[in-house]
């Protein structure tokens, strides 16, 4: 029996398997390089996150543009000193306005506008608090 054709076929299969293994090793090397790059990028992002969160308390708080009226900054100052929700009447007193219905209603309208801007929340009807 002549085994020469069998050995030639086996050589062809070995060459193909060797070429496949070489190709897979090259792909593995490329993937390992890409993995190292991705891990380094993740480390840099983690460092950036840690730096930003460490500085967050030093950054000024964002305040949306307030409407043009001198009472708005004073209203916010009243809430900075408050320990809980305030009613329009309480804010009027803090601003030094007389407790006349027109002043209380005007203040309530300003508080509602601040709710729409997302600066205050209306905890329950008539009680306004800073947005957390």
Protein backbone atom coordinates (compact mmCIF):
# COMPACT_ATOMS: atom_id res chain seq x y z
CA UNK A 1 0.00 0.00 0.00
CA UNK A 2 1.23 3.44 -0.95
CA UNK A 3 0.92 5.88 1.99
CA UNK A 4 2.52 8.77 0.13
CA UNK A 5 -0.82 10.38 -0.86
CA UNK A 6 -2.00 10.10 2.77
CA UNK A 7 1.16 11.79 4.04
CA UNK A 8 0.78 14.57 1.43
CA UNK A 9 -2.83 15.14 2.56
CA UNK A 10 -1.67 15.17 6.17
CA UNK A 11 1.02 17.74 5.28
CA UNK A 12 -1.61 19.95 3.70
CA UNK A 13 -3.80 19.73 6.82
CA UNK A 14 -0.82 20.44 9.09
CA UNK A 15 0.13 23.49 7.00
CA UNK A 16 -3.47 24.78 7.15
CA UNK A 17 -3.66 24.20 10.91
CA UNK A 18 -0.28 25.91 11.41
CA UNK A 19 -1.40 28.91 9.31
CA UNK A 20 -4.64 29.10 11.30
CA UNK A 21 -2.74 28.97 14.60
CA UNK A 22 -0.36 31.71 13.41
CA UNK A 23 -3.31 33.85 12.34
CA UNK A 24 -5.05 33.31 15.70
CA UNK A 25 -1.84 34.23 17.59
CA UNK A 26 -1.65 37.46 15.59
CA UNK A 27 -5.30 38.22 16.41
CA UNK A 28 -4.66 37.46 20.10
CA UNK A 29 -1.68 39.84 20.12
CA UNK A 30 -3.80 42.56 18.51
CA UNK A 31 -6.65 41.95 20.98
CA UNK A 32 -4.25 42.04 23.95
CA UNK A 33 -2.88 45.38 22.73
CA UNK A 34 -6.41 46.77 22.33
CA UNK A 35 -7.35 45.41 25.78
CA UNK A 36 -4.35 47.15 27.39
CA UNK A 37 -5.32 50.41 25.65
CA UNK A 38 -8.94 50.09 26.84
CA UNK A 39 -7.83 49.33 30.41
CA UNK A 40 -5.50 52.34 30.39
CA UNK A 41 -8.35 54.52 29.12
CA UNK A 42 -10.60 53.21 31.91
CA UNK A 43 -7.90 54.04 34.48
CA UNK A 44 -7.66 57.59 33.09
CA UNK A 45 -11.44 57.97 33.25
CA UNK A 46 -11.47 56.76 36.87
CA UNK A 47 -8.77 59.29 37.76
CA UNK A 48 -10.74 62.03 36.01
CA UNK A 49 -13.93 61.06 37.87
CA UNK A 50 -12.07 61.07 41.20
CA UNK A 51 -10.57 64.49 40.45
CA UNK A 52 -13.92 65.99 39.42
CA UNK A 53 -15.80 64.61 42.42
CA UNK A 54 -13.00 65.85 44.67
CA UNK A 55 -13.40 69.35 43.26
CA UNK A 56 -17.21 69.34 43.11
CA UNK A 57 -17.62 71.03 46.47
CA UNK A 58 -15.36 73.87 45.33
CA UNK A 59 -17.37 74.64 42.20
CA UNK A 60 -20.06 77.31 42.42
CA UNK A 61 -23.59 75.98 42.52
CA UNK A 62 -25.53 76.36 39.30
CA UNK A 63 -28.39 78.80 39.55
CA UNK A 64 -30.69 79.24 36.58
CA UNK A 65 -31.22 82.76 35.33
CA UNK A 66 -33.58 84.47 37.72
CA UNK A 67 -36.32 86.78 36.49
CA UNK A 68 -35.51 90.49 36.58
CA UNK A 69 -36.74 91.58 39.99
CA UNK A 70 -34.77 92.45 43.13
CA UNK A 71 -36.92 90.16 45.31
CA UNK A 72 -35.72 86.90 43.68
CA UNK A 73 -32.18 86.89 45.11
CA UNK A 74 -33.61 87.94 48.47
CA UNK A 75 -36.15 85.09 48.33
CA UNK A 76 -33.35 82.60 47.68
CA UNK A 77 -31.36 84.08 50.56
CA UNK A 78 -34.39 83.54 52.82
CA UNK A 79 -34.47 79.88 51.76
CA UNK A 80 -30.74 79.52 52.40
CA UNK A 81 -31.39 80.46 56.03
CA UNK A 82 -34.60 78.42 56.36
CA UNK A 83 -34.59 75.00 57.97
CA UNK A 84 -37.76 73.81 56.24
CA UNK A 85 -40.53 74.80 53.84
CA UNK A 86 -41.84 78.37 53.95
CA UNK A 87 -45.23 79.83 53.14
CA UNK A 88 -45.63 83.01 51.08
CA UNK A 89 -46.46 84.90 54.27
CA UNK A 90 -43.18 83.73 55.88
CA UNK A 91 -41.21 84.88 52.83
CA UNK A 92 -42.99 88.28 52.92
CA UNK A 93 -41.89 88.70 56.52
CA UNK A 94 -38.32 87.68 55.65
CA UNK A 95 -38.29 90.28 52.86
CA UNK A 96 -39.64 92.94 55.19
CA UNK A 97 -42.87 93.44 53.22
CA UNK A 98 -46.09 94.35 54.99
CA UNK A 99 -48.44 91.39 55.28
CA UNK A 100 -51.00 92.89 52.92
CA UNK A 101 -52.90 90.50 50.62
CA UNK A 102 -51.34 92.07 47.49
CA UNK A 103 -47.82 91.51 48.89
CA UNK A 104 -48.54 87.92 49.94
CA UNK A 105 -50.11 87.12 46.55
CA UNK A 106 -47.23 88.77 44.69
CA UNK A 107 -44.75 86.74 46.71
CA UNK A 108 -46.75 83.55 46.10
CA UNK A 109 -46.61 84.24 42.34
CA UNK A 110 -42.81 84.67 42.58
CA UNK A 111 -42.52 81.40 44.52
CA UNK A 112 -44.60 79.61 41.87
CA UNK A 113 -42.31 81.03 39.16
CA UNK A 114 -39.30 79.65 41.06
CA UNK A 115 -41.05 76.27 41.15
CA UNK A 116 -41.43 76.39 37.36
CA UNK A 117 -37.71 77.19 37.05
CA UNK A 118 -36.92 74.12 39.19
CA UNK A 119 -35.32 76.13 42.01
CA UNK A 120 -38.11 75.51 44.53
CA UNK A 121 -40.64 72.76 45.00
CA UNK A 122 -44.12 73.04 46.41
CA UNK A 123 -43.95 70.41 49.15
CA UNK A 124 -47.68 70.65 49.71
CA UNK A 125 -50.18 73.33 48.87
CA UNK A 126 -48.72 76.68 49.89
CA UNK A 127 -45.49 75.28 51.38
CA UNK A 128 -42.41 75.95 49.28
CA UNK A 129 -38.94 74.44 49.80
CA UNK A 130 -35.56 74.42 48.04
CA UNK A 131 -35.17 71.74 45.41
CA UNK A 132 -32.79 69.08 46.72
